[in-house]
Amino acid sequence: MKNFPFLTLCTLFIFLSAAVYGQEDKKVTAKIESTTLENQIKLKAVVTNNTTIYKELNYLLISIKKGSGGNLSNNQQSGKFSLNPNEVKVLSEINVNLEKKDALKAFLYIKDEETQKLISKDSLELNTDLFKKKVAKIEEDVFFELKGLTIDETKSKVGKDFYDLFYIQYSQIPDKSNSAITVSELPVRGTSGQINIEIDDKVVYSFVTNPSEDYLKDQLVATLKYIKDFNAKKNLIKNEFIY
């Protein structure tokens, strides 16, 4: 019975630790909501703060429409905003006239105001099979702002250590990808995880985590190589719409 206070304290500590871990596992989420009325579609940029922390953030909402005649038009809105804990906020709305043979792509990016790191993203695509062959230079102008954006979706300390190494090195590279790069982490057997490097929703490289600093540096070199190779191959394809 003398150990009862000690056991109670340990139980309380474990409960609090689990609660804190659960809070850290939550994040800010971005969502493009759409409603259609006759030939007009309304795009609404919505962000949710699933954490208990006040946030200072930036957003970028882009829509690109390709008409049946092949013409491209775009609309983009951006700005700084704040989020209270557990707040849901509508950031912006875009109305687009969309005929039956028109195609549309929309992208929403949320960046941290202080670090400028991409923390969340969402996309919407309609009739994207029409985005083929010969596309005007406007796509390069629109997506220029996306150069160098990265998003951290790691879970563990090792994963975050790798992301920090990657972010520092990648931010110094002059020739960055026009697409956002996602560094995500998935659980595997045991205590390890799997880091995936994604561009255009494609995994270009992956590896199993290891806390060794030398190992993470080796994986960083390999990651940068695969990103470079992927971008080189992508640049050869000029007759398709690729973000």
C-alpha atoms as a PDB file:
ATOM      1  CA  MET A   1       0.000   0.000   0.000  1.00  0.00           C
ATOM      2  CA  LYS A   2       2.933   2.316   0.476  1.00  0.00           C
ATOM      3  CA  ASN A   3       3.523   2.211  -3.249  1.00  0.00           C
ATOM      4  CA  PHE A   4      -0.001   3.434  -4.059  1.00  0.00           C
ATOM      5  CA  PRO A   5       0.873   7.166  -4.351  1.00  0.00           C
ATOM      6  CA  PHE A   6       3.846   6.310  -6.552  1.00  0.00           C
ATOM      7  CA  LEU A   7       1.732   4.118  -8.841  1.00  0.00           C
ATOM      8  CA  THR A   8      -0.930   6.812  -9.039  1.00  0.00           C
ATOM      9  CA  LEU A   9       1.698   9.384 -10.025  1.00  0.00           C
ATOM     10  CA  CYS A  10       3.105   7.065 -12.706  1.00  0.00           C
ATOM     11  CA  THR A  11      -0.377   6.439 -14.096  1.00  0.00           C
ATOM     12  CA  LEU A  12      -1.034  10.177 -14.238  1.00  0.00           C
ATOM     13  CA  PHE A  13       2.287  10.782 -15.993  1.00  0.00           C
ATOM     14  CA  ILE A  14       1.535   8.114 -18.623  1.00  0.00           C
ATOM     15  CA  PHE A  15      -1.930   9.593 -19.211  1.00  0.00           C
ATOM     16  CA  LEU A  16      -0.554  13.093 -19.664  1.00  0.00           C
ATOM     17  CA  SER A  17       2.187  11.852 -21.976  1.00  0.00           C
ATOM     18  CA  ALA A  18      -0.375  10.080 -24.134  1.00  0.00           C
ATOM     19  CA  ALA A  19      -2.532  13.198 -24.215  1.00  0.00           C
ATOM     20  CA  VAL A  20       0.383  15.388 -25.291  1.00  0.00           C
ATOM     21  CA  TYR A  21       1.432  12.862 -27.939  1.00  0.00           C
ATOM     22  CA  GLY A  22      -2.114  12.816 -29.272  1.00  0.00           C
ATOM     23  CA  GLN A  23      -2.122  16.598 -29.532  1.00  0.00           C
ATOM     24  CA  GLU A  24       1.198  16.619 -31.378  1.00  0.00           C
ATOM     25  CA  ASP A  25      -0.114  14.026 -33.829  1.00  0.00           C
ATOM     26  CA  LYS A  26      -2.851  16.440 -34.896  1.00  0.00           C
ATOM     27  CA  LYS A  27      -2.139  19.138 -37.446  1.00  0.00           C
ATOM     28  CA  VAL A  28      -3.464  21.916 -39.607  1.00  0.00           C
ATOM     29  CA  THR A  29      -5.473  20.575 -42.549  1.00  0.00           C
ATOM     30  CA  ALA A  30      -6.330  22.282 -45.844  1.00  0.00           C
ATOM     31  CA  LYS A  31      -9.428  21.493 -47.898  1.00  0.00           C
ATOM     32  CA  ILE A  32     -10.860  22.749 -51.186  1.00  0.00           C
ATOM     33  CA  GLU A  33     -14.648  22.519 -51.056  1.00  0.00           C
ATOM     34  CA  SER A  34     -16.627  22.832 -54.280  1.00  0.00           C
ATOM     35  CA  THR A  35     -20.252  23.446 -55.162  1.00  0.00           C
ATOM     36  CA  THR A  36     -21.695  23.537 -58.671  1.00  0.00           C
ATOM     37  CA  LEU A  37     -24.705  25.506 -59.871  1.00  0.00           C
ATOM     38  CA  GLU A  38     -25.535  25.227 -63.577  1.00  0.00           C
ATOM     39  CA  ASN A  39     -22.296  26.173 -65.402  1.00  0.00           C
ATOM     40  CA  GLN A  40     -20.537  27.777 -62.459  1.00  0.00           C
ATOM     41  CA  ILE A  41     -18.375  26.107 -59.825  1.00  0.00           C
ATOM     42  CA  LYS A  42     -17.523  27.759 -56.520  1.00  0.00           C
ATOM     43  CA  LEU A  43     -14.195  26.809 -54.929  1.00  0.00           C
ATOM     44  CA  LYS A  44     -13.855  27.467 -51.223  1.00  0.00           C
ATOM     45  CA  ALA A  45     -10.496  27.289 -49.404  1.00  0.00           C
ATOM     46  CA  VAL A  46     -11.053  25.971 -45.874  1.00  0.00           C
ATOM     47  CA  VAL A  47      -8.419  25.406 -43.202  1.00  0.00           C
ATOM     48  CA  THR A  48      -8.801  23.631 -39.855  1.00  0.00           C
ATOM     49  CA  ASN A  49      -6.512  23.980 -36.853  1.00  0.00           C
ATOM     50  CA  ASN A  50      -6.656  20.573 -35.136  1.00  0.00           C
ATOM     51  CA  THR A  51      -4.096  21.628 -32.535  1.00  0.00           C
ATOM     52  CA  THR A  52      -4.339  23.564 -29.276  1.00  0.00           C
ATOM     53  CA  ILE A  53      -1.815  26.146 -30.514  1.00  0.00           C
ATOM     54  CA  TYR A  54      -2.438  29.584 -32.046  1.00  0.00           C
ATOM     55  CA  LYS A  55      -1.094  29.724 -35.618  1.00  0.00           C
ATOM     56  CA  GLU A  56       0.201  32.483 -37.929  1.00  0.00           C
ATOM     57  CA  LEU A  57       0.027  31.173 -41.498  1.00  0.00           C
ATOM     58  CA  ASN A  58      -0.033  32.034 -45.213  1.00  0.00           C
ATOM     59  CA  TYR A  59      -2.199  30.533 -47.926  1.00  0.00           C
ATOM     60  CA  LEU A  60      -2.050  30.265 -51.703  1.00  0.00           C
ATOM     61  CA  LEU A  61      -5.149  29.222 -53.687  1.00  0.00           C
ATOM     62  CA  ILE A  62      -4.724  28.637 -57.423  1.00  0.00           C
ATOM     63  CA  SER A  63      -7.231  27.557 -60.065  1.00  0.00           C
ATOM     64  CA  ILE A  64      -6.383  26.848 -63.713  1.00  0.00           C
ATOM     65  CA  LYS A  65      -9.085  26.296 -66.337  1.00  0.00           C
ATOM     66  CA  LYS A  66      -8.569  24.952 -69.819  1.00  0.00           C
ATOM     67  CA  GLY A  67     -11.371  25.795 -72.224  1.00  0.00           C
ATOM     68  CA  SER A  68     -12.610  23.516 -74.977  1.00  0.00           C
ATOM     69  CA  GLY A  69     -10.632  25.612 -77.470  1.00  0.00           C
ATOM     70  CA  GLY A  70      -7.380  25.048 -75.584  1.00  0.00           C
ATOM     71  CA  ASN A  71      -7.168  28.473 -73.923  1.00  0.00           C
ATOM     72  CA  LEU A  72      -5.858  28.624 -70.357  1.00  0.00           C
ATOM     73  CA  SER A  73      -7.021  31.047 -67.693  1.00  0.00           C
ATOM     74  CA  ASN A  74      -6.015  31.214 -64.070  1.00  0.00           C
ATOM     75  CA  ASN A  75      -7.042  32.807 -60.809  1.00  0.00           C
ATOM     76  CA  GLN A  76      -4.965  32.923 -57.667  1.00  0.00           C
ATOM     77  CA  GLN A  77      -5.491  34.393 -54.244  1.00  0.00           C
ATOM     78  CA  SER A  78      -3.085  34.507 -51.314  1.00  0.00           C
ATOM     79  CA  GLY A  79      -2.607  36.179 -47.976  1.00  0.00           C
ATOM     80  CA  LYS A  80      -1.646  35.989 -44.319  1.00  0.00           C
ATOM     81  CA  PHE A  81      -4.092  34.763 -41.684  1.00  0.00           C
ATOM     82  CA  SER A  82      -4.247  33.510 -38.116  1.00  0.00           C
ATOM     83  CA  LEU A  83      -5.948  30.484 -36.584  1.00  0.00           C
ATOM     84  CA  ASN A  84      -7.090  30.053 -33.014  1.00  0.00           C
ATOM     85  CA  PRO A  85      -6.884  26.582 -31.429  1.00  0.00           C
ATOM     86  CA  ASN A  86      -9.429  24.165 -32.981  1.00  0.00           C
ATOM     87  CA  GLU A  87     -10.718  26.870 -35.324  1.00  0.00           C
ATOM     88  CA  VAL A  88     -12.150  26.255 -38.806  1.00  0.00           C
ATOM     89  CA  LYS A  89     -11.799  29.206 -41.178  1.00  0.00           C
ATOM     90  CA  VAL A  90     -12.838  29.951 -44.762  1.00  0.00           C
ATOM     91  CA  LEU A  91      -9.876  31.719 -46.362  1.00  0.00           C
ATOM     92  CA  SER A  92     -11.110  32.550 -49.840  1.00  0.00           C
ATOM     93  CA  GLU A  93     -13.637  31.764 -52.566  1.00  0.00           C
ATOM     94  CA  ILE A  94     -13.203  31.574 -56.336  1.00  0.00           C
ATOM     95  CA  ASN A  95     -16.054  31.349 -58.849  1.00  0.00           C
ATOM     96  CA  VAL A  96     -15.261  29.727 -62.201  1.00  0.00           C
ATOM     97  CA  ASN A  97     -17.527  29.381 -65.239  1.00  0.00           C
ATOM     98  CA  LEU A  98     -17.115  25.787 -66.370  1.00  0.00           C
ATOM     99  CA  GLU A  99     -18.676  24.422 -69.541  1.00  0.00           C
ATOM    100  CA  LYS A 100     -19.116  20.710 -70.243  1.00  0.00           C
ATOM    101  CA  LYS A 101     -15.826  20.368 -72.179  1.00  0.00           C
ATOM    102  CA  ASP A 102     -13.760  22.586 -69.872  1.00  0.00           C
ATOM    103  CA  ALA A 103     -11.109  21.174 -67.510  1.00  0.00           C
ATOM    104  CA  LEU A 104     -10.101  22.537 -64.116  1.00  0.00           C
ATOM    105  CA  LYS A 105      -7.278  22.070 -61.643  1.00  0.00           C
ATOM    106  CA  ALA A 106      -7.142  23.827 -58.269  1.00  0.00           C
ATOM    107  CA  PHE A 107      -4.464  23.788 -55.556  1.00  0.00           C
ATOM    108  CA  LEU A 108      -4.442  25.056 -51.972  1.00  0.00           C
ATOM    109  CA  TYR A 109      -1.192  25.477 -50.037  1.00  0.00           C
ATOM    110  CA  ILE A 110      -0.774  26.479 -46.382  1.00  0.00           C
ATOM    111  CA  LYS A 111       2.629  27.727 -45.183  1.00  0.00           C
ATOM    112  CA  ASP A 112       3.928  28.614 -41.747  1.00  0.00           C
ATOM    113  CA  GLU A 113       4.375  32.375 -41.518  1.00  0.00           C
ATOM    114  CA  GLU A 114       7.642  32.221 -39.563  1.00  0.00           C
ATOM    115  CA  THR A 115       9.468  29.293 -41.155  1.00  0.00           C
ATOM    116  CA  GLN A 116       7.794  29.476 -44.609  1.00  0.00           C
ATOM    117  CA  LYS A 117       7.531  25.674 -44.550  1.00  0.00           C
ATOM    118  CA  LEU A 118       4.562  24.112 -46.314  1.00  0.00           C
ATOM    119  CA  ILE A 119       2.458  22.386 -43.651  1.00  0.00           C
ATOM    120  CA  SER A 120      -0.660  21.330 -45.545  1.00  0.00           C
ATOM    121  CA  LYS A 121      -2.068  21.114 -49.072  1.00  0.00           C
ATOM    122  CA  ASP A 122      -5.086  19.982 -51.063  1.00  0.00           C
ATOM    123  CA  SER A 123      -6.030  19.732 -54.737  1.00  0.00           C
ATOM    124  CA  LEU A 124      -9.113  19.352 -56.906  1.00  0.00           C
ATOM    125  CA  GLU A 125      -9.275  18.129 -60.507  1.00  0.00           C
ATOM    126  CA  LEU A 126     -12.176  18.056 -62.982  1.00  0.00           C
ATOM    127  CA  ASN A 127     -11.969  16.612 -66.508  1.00  0.00           C
ATOM    128  CA  THR A 128      -8.181  16.475 -66.234  1.00  0.00           C
ATOM    129  CA  ASP A 129      -7.925  14.087 -69.190  1.00  0.00           C
ATOM    130  CA  LEU A 130      -8.447  17.224 -71.289  1.00  0.00           C
ATOM    131  CA  PHE A 131      -5.157  18.681 -69.982  1.00  0.00           C
ATOM    132  CA  LYS A 132      -3.088  17.146 -72.770  1.00  0.00           C
ATOM    133  CA  LYS A 133      -0.793  18.203 -75.556  1.00  0.00           C
ATOM    134  CA  LYS A 134       0.320  21.763 -76.170  1.00  0.00           C
ATOM    135  CA  VAL A 135      -0.170  23.902 -73.091  1.00  0.00           C
ATOM    136  CA  ALA A 136       0.548  27.623 -73.037  1.00  0.00           C
ATOM    137  CA  LYS A 137       3.421  29.174 -71.074  1.00  0.00           C
ATOM    138  CA  ILE A 138       0.923  30.384 -68.480  1.00  0.00           C
ATOM    139  CA  GLU A 139       1.321  27.137 -66.520  1.00  0.00           C
ATOM    140  CA  GLU A 140       4.980  27.982 -65.871  1.00  0.00           C
ATOM    141  CA  ASP A 141       4.055  31.441 -64.627  1.00  0.00           C
ATOM    142  CA  VAL A 142       1.334  30.142 -62.317  1.00  0.00           C
ATOM    143  CA  PHE A 143       3.406  27.394 -60.727  1.00  0.00           C
ATOM    144  CA  PHE A 144       6.580  29.436 -60.339  1.00  0.00           C
ATOM    145  CA  GLU A 145       5.409  30.334 -56.815  1.00  0.00           C
ATOM    146  CA  LEU A 146       5.393  26.659 -55.891  1.00  0.00           C
ATOM    147  CA  LYS A 147       9.135  26.284 -56.403  1.00  0.00           C
ATOM    148  CA  GLY A 148      10.922  25.039 -53.322  1.00  0.00           C
ATOM    149  CA  LEU A 149       7.807  24.278 -51.272  1.00  0.00           C
ATOM    150  CA  THR A 150       8.123  21.257 -48.980  1.00  0.00           C
ATOM    151  CA  ILE A 151       5.674  19.671 -46.574  1.00  0.00           C
ATOM    152  CA  ASP A 152       6.547  17.754 -43.418  1.00  0.00           C
ATOM    153  CA  GLU A 153       4.361  14.715 -42.699  1.00  0.00           C
ATOM    154  CA  THR A 154       6.846  12.822 -40.530  1.00  0.00           C
ATOM    155  CA  LYS A 155       5.745  11.360 -37.200  1.00  0.00           C
ATOM    156  CA  SER A 156       8.819  10.407 -35.166  1.00  0.00           C
ATOM    157  CA  LYS A 157      11.838  12.327 -33.882  1.00  0.00           C
ATOM    158  CA  VAL A 158      14.062  10.500 -36.394  1.00  0.00           C
ATOM    159  CA  GLY A 159      11.683  11.460 -39.186  1.00  0.00           C
ATOM    160  CA  LYS A 160      11.671  15.102 -38.152  1.00  0.00           C
ATOM    161  CA  ASP A 161      15.478  15.062 -37.833  1.00  0.00           C
ATOM    162  CA  PHE A 162      15.703  13.873 -41.436  1.00  0.00           C
ATOM    163  CA  TYR A 163      13.165  16.459 -42.624  1.00  0.00           C
ATOM    164  CA  ASP A 164      15.171  19.262 -40.990  1.00  0.00           C
ATOM    165  CA  LEU A 165      18.358  18.047 -42.703  1.00  0.00           C
ATOM    166  CA  PHE A 166      16.510  17.813 -46.018  1.00  0.00           C
ATOM    167  CA  TYR A 167      14.864  21.235 -45.695  1.00  0.00           C
ATOM    168  CA  ILE A 168      18.147  23.012 -44.922  1.00  0.00           C
ATOM    169  CA  GLN A 169      19.957  21.373 -47.842  1.00  0.00           C
ATOM    170  CA  TYR A 170      17.123  21.598 -50.355  1.00  0.00           C
ATOM    171  CA  SER A 171      16.430  25.267 -49.630  1.00  0.00           C
ATOM    172  CA  GLN A 172      19.980  26.064 -50.789  1.00  0.00           C
ATOM    173  CA  ILE A 173      19.585  24.386 -54.182  1.00  0.00           C
ATOM    174  CA  PRO A 174      19.065  26.999 -56.926  1.00  0.00           C
ATOM    175  CA  ASP A 175      17.247  24.712 -59.379  1.00  0.00           C
ATOM    176  CA  LYS A 176      14.241  23.542 -57.359  1.00  0.00           C
ATOM    177  CA  SER A 177      11.246  21.543 -58.471  1.00  0.00           C
ATOM    178  CA  ASN A 178       8.132  23.434 -59.601  1.00  0.00           C
ATOM    179  CA  SER A 179       6.130  20.930 -57.569  1.00  0.00           C
ATOM    180  CA  ALA A 180       5.768  20.736 -53.815  1.00  0.00           C
ATOM    181  CA  ILE A 181       7.752  17.915 -52.201  1.00  0.00           C
ATOM    182  CA  THR A 182       6.180  15.879 -49.387  1.00  0.00           C
ATOM    183  CA  VAL A 183       8.297  14.015 -46.834  1.00  0.00           C
ATOM    184  CA  SER A 184       5.975  11.527 -45.151  1.00  0.00           C
ATOM    185  CA  GLU A 185       6.469   8.711 -42.667  1.00  0.00           C
ATOM    186  CA  LEU A 186       4.684   5.354 -42.354  1.00  0.00           C
ATOM    187  CA  PRO A 187       5.005   2.813 -39.537  1.00  0.00           C
ATOM    188  CA  VAL A 188       6.648  -0.551 -40.245  1.00  0.00           C
ATOM    189  CA  ARG A 189       7.360  -3.561 -38.065  1.00  0.00           C
ATOM    190  CA  GLY A 190       9.160  -2.935 -34.803  1.00  0.00           C
ATOM    191  CA  THR A 191      10.213   0.571 -33.833  1.00  0.00           C
ATOM    192  CA  SER A 192      11.264   1.700 -37.294  1.00  0.00           C
ATOM    193  CA  GLY A 193       9.360   3.786 -39.803  1.00  0.00           C
ATOM    194  CA  GLN A 194       9.471   4.277 -43.552  1.00  0.00           C
ATOM    195  CA  ILE A 195      10.222   7.706 -45.003  1.00  0.00           C
ATOM    196  CA  ASN A 196       8.656   8.430 -48.395  1.00  0.00           C
ATOM    197  CA  ILE A 197       9.676  11.310 -50.666  1.00  0.00           C
ATOM    198  CA  GLU A 198       6.741  12.297 -52.879  1.00  0.00           C
ATOM    199  CA  ILE A 199       6.480  14.617 -55.880  1.00  0.00           C
ATOM    200  CA  ASP A 200       3.230  14.990 -57.821  1.00  0.00           C
ATOM    201  CA  ASP A 201       1.769  12.327 -55.494  1.00  0.00           C
ATOM    202  CA  LYS A 202       4.397   9.854 -56.723  1.00  0.00           C
ATOM    203  CA  VAL A 203       6.918   8.231 -54.364  1.00  0.00           C
ATOM    204  CA  VAL A 204      10.322   8.908 -55.910  1.00  0.00           C
ATOM    205  CA  TYR A 205      12.365   7.440 -53.052  1.00  0.00           C
ATOM    206  CA  SER A 206      11.819   5.687 -49.717  1.00  0.00           C
ATOM    207  CA  PHE A 207      13.932   4.241 -46.915  1.00  0.00           C
ATOM    208  CA  VAL A 208      13.600   2.712 -43.444  1.00  0.00           C
ATOM    209  CA  THR A 209      14.447   5.049 -40.568  1.00  0.00           C
ATOM    210  CA  ASN A 210      17.596   4.743 -38.485  1.00  0.00           C
ATOM    211  CA  PRO A 211      18.672   7.239 -35.798  1.00  0.00           C
ATOM    212  CA  SER A 212      22.299   7.236 -36.985  1.00  0.00           C
ATOM    213  CA  GLU A 213      23.307  10.708 -38.156  1.00  0.00           C
ATOM    214  CA  ASP A 214      25.634   9.269 -40.807  1.00  0.00           C
ATOM    215  CA  TYR A 215      22.813   7.067 -42.090  1.00  0.00           C
ATOM    216  CA  LEU A 216      20.431  10.031 -42.361  1.00  0.00           C
ATOM    217  CA  LYS A 217      23.062  12.043 -44.224  1.00  0.00           C
ATOM    218  CA  ASP A 218      23.544   9.171 -46.684  1.00  0.00           C
ATOM    219  CA  GLN A 219      19.772   9.035 -47.210  1.00  0.00           C
ATOM    220  CA  LEU A 220      19.743  12.799 -47.746  1.00  0.00           C
ATOM    221  CA  VAL A 221      22.296  12.462 -50.573  1.00  0.00           C
ATOM    222  CA  ALA A 222      20.220   9.686 -52.143  1.00  0.00           C
ATOM    223  CA  THR A 223      16.996  11.699 -51.749  1.00  0.00           C
ATOM    224  CA  LEU A 224      18.418  14.739 -53.523  1.00  0.00           C
ATOM    225  CA  LYS A 225      19.723  12.510 -56.334  1.00  0.00           C
ATOM    226  CA  TYR A 226      16.327  10.887 -56.913  1.00  0.00           C
ATOM    227  CA  ILE A 227      14.580  14.272 -56.833  1.00  0.00           C
ATOM    228  CA  LYS A 228      17.020  15.566 -59.452  1.00  0.00           C
ATOM    229  CA  ASP A 229      16.498  12.488 -61.648  1.00  0.00           C
ATOM    230  CA  PHE A 230      12.714  12.742 -61.350  1.00  0.00           C
ATOM    231  CA  ASN A 231      12.696  16.422 -62.313  1.00  0.00           C
ATOM    232  CA  ALA A 232      15.010  15.757 -65.269  1.00  0.00           C
ATOM    233  CA  LYS A 233      12.643  13.097 -66.620  1.00  0.00           C
ATOM    234  CA  LYS A 234       9.618  15.308 -65.993  1.00  0.00           C
ATOM    235  CA  ASN A 235      11.157  18.174 -67.935  1.00  0.00           C
ATOM    236  CA  LEU A 236      11.391  15.941 -71.000  1.00  0.00           C
ATOM    237  CA  ILE A 237       7.605  15.677 -71.113  1.00  0.00           C
ATOM    238  CA  LYS A 238       6.446  18.953 -72.601  1.00  0.00           C
ATOM    239  CA  ASN A 239       3.169  17.845 -74.127  1.00  0.00           C
ATOM    240  CA  GLU A 240       1.327  17.025 -70.892  1.00  0.00           C
ATOM    241  CA  PHE A 241       0.011  19.091 -68.017  1.00  0.00           C
ATOM    242  CA  ILE A 242       2.162  18.189 -64.989  1.00  0.00           C
ATOM    243  CA  TYR A 243       2.224  20.083 -61.700  1.00  0.00           C
END
